[in-house]
Protein backbone atom coordinates (compact mmCIF):
# COMPACT_ATOMS: atom_id res chain seq x y z
CA MET A 1 0.09 0.00 -0.27
CA GLU A 2 2.70 2.25 0.92
CA LYS A 3 4.77 1.60 -2.33
CA GLU A 4 1.51 2.63 -4.41
CA LEU A 5 1.47 5.84 -2.54
CA LYS A 6 4.68 6.84 -2.92
CA ALA A 7 4.23 6.34 -6.96
CA ASP A 8 1.11 7.88 -7.01
CA GLU A 9 2.91 11.26 -5.03
CA LYS A 10 6.04 10.94 -7.36
CA SER A 11 3.49 10.55 -10.87
CA ILE A 12 1.47 13.85 -9.19
CA SER A 13 4.56 15.76 -8.56
CA ASP A 14 5.83 15.00 -12.01
CA ASP A 15 2.76 15.90 -13.36
CA LEU A 16 2.68 19.02 -11.50
CA ALA A 17 6.19 20.12 -12.27
CA ALA A 18 5.12 19.51 -16.36
CA LEU A 19 2.17 21.73 -15.90
CA GLN A 20 4.14 24.74 -14.17
CA LYS A 21 7.06 24.41 -16.91
CA LYS A 22 4.04 24.40 -19.59
CA GLY A 23 2.45 27.51 -17.92
CA LYS A 24 5.67 29.30 -17.80
CA PHE A 25 6.13 28.74 -21.68
CA LEU A 26 2.50 29.61 -22.39
CA GLU A 27 2.71 32.82 -20.06
CA LYS A 28 5.88 33.75 -22.28
CA GLN A 29 3.60 32.96 -25.66
CA TYR A 30 0.94 35.32 -24.46
CA GLN A 31 3.45 38.09 -23.35
CA GLU A 32 5.00 38.15 -27.15
CA ALA A 33 1.66 37.78 -28.89
CA ASN A 34 0.42 40.86 -26.53
CA SER A 35 3.49 43.04 -27.19
CA GLN A 36 3.39 42.09 -31.26
CA LEU A 37 -0.35 43.36 -31.31
CA ARG A 38 0.47 46.60 -29.53
CA ASP A 39 3.17 47.05 -31.96
CA ILE A 40 0.42 46.60 -34.54
CA VAL A 41 -1.79 48.70 -33.18
CA ARG A 42 0.76 51.46 -32.40
CA ARG A 43 1.43 51.47 -36.28
CA ILE A 44 -1.97 51.61 -37.11
CA LYS A 45 -2.60 54.57 -35.10
CA THR A 46 0.62 56.54 -36.11
CA PRO A 47 1.24 55.52 -39.80
CA SER A 48 4.64 56.32 -41.32
CA ARG A 49 4.97 59.05 -43.30
CA SER A 50 7.30 58.45 -46.41
CA PRO A 51 8.39 61.33 -48.22
CA ALA A 52 7.27 59.54 -51.52
CA THR A 53 3.97 59.29 -50.13
CA SER A 54 3.24 62.94 -49.14
CA ARG A 55 4.87 64.10 -52.27
CA LEU A 56 2.25 61.76 -54.38
CA LYS A 57 -0.16 63.24 -52.42
CA GLN A 58 0.53 66.79 -53.14
CA MET A 59 0.11 66.10 -57.03
CA PRO A 60 -3.47 67.35 -58.63
CA ALA A 61 -3.91 63.93 -60.09
CA PHE A 62 -2.76 61.83 -57.41
CA SER A 63 -4.18 63.85 -54.34
CA SER A 64 -7.78 63.40 -55.29
CA VAL A 65 -7.32 59.58 -56.04
CA ALA A 66 -5.51 59.23 -52.61
CA GLN A 67 -8.90 60.43 -51.15
CA ASN A 68 -10.76 58.00 -53.12
CA GLN A 69 -12.96 60.82 -54.92
CA GLY A 70 -11.05 59.89 -58.41
CA PRO A 71 -9.85 62.02 -60.75
CA LYS A 72 -10.80 65.79 -60.19
CA GLN A 73 -11.40 66.78 -63.69
CA LYS A 74 -10.94 65.26 -67.01
CA SER A 75 -7.73 66.77 -67.84
CA ASP A 76 -6.33 64.93 -64.67
CA THR A 77 -6.51 61.45 -65.98
CA LEU A 78 -3.54 60.32 -68.16
CA PRO A 79 -4.79 59.28 -72.00
CA PRO A 80 -5.63 55.76 -72.99
């Protein structure tokens, strides 16, 4: 009877150690995923402004297209 109890205790201790190790691993994965999501949200809130993009928006033909309004005038479109 004592041998069975000691074997059960050893098995439970091993299971507990494995679960604690898995818990630490999952906590680390959670922290990494949360950090990546924070970075993504920051990028969405503060979009990068590249010089090329701002120059395109200053051009008449591209400024209206960039605002999803289509060309301002027929003369702003390129010939076919």
